[in-house]
Amino acid sequence: VQLAESGGGLAQAGGSLRLSCAASGLTFSSYTVGWFRRAPGNEREFVAAITRSGMYTNYADSVKDRFTISRDNAKNTVYLQMNSLKPEDTAVYYCAVPRSSLTSTQAMADTSTVGSWGRGTQVTVSS
């Protein structure tokens, strides 16, 4: 399994960025997919997850109503639209797929369910 994130960069507070994650080596449409992030000095934390069909999503409270996860199964790609960015959103963002295709979006919030990680993309938000 290979996951390749892109779209990170520098944004001002209140601005927007859109991350993408291209997947290969798996039947993408069979898996819940998630986004996580790790800020300097912190543990990796859950951001958002989306079901196989894209019908259901789950968000961390810290990003709810600001971030939107979506997917295009025809392109084997998951997206994270980040609006109203805050300096505390500064982190390396990772996409991930679980070990099991049965993993729910709620279960995906637990990093122990992750089977594969991307290399990450840096997001920096200036105040």
Foldseek 3Di string as FASTA:
>chain_A
DAKAKDWADEAAQQAKTKMKIADDDDQLLLWKKFKWWDDPPGDIFGAKIAASVRPDMDGDPVQPPFWDWGDDSVRNMIMIIGGNDDQVVWTWMKMFTFPDSPDDRVNVRDVVRTDDIHPTDTHGYHD
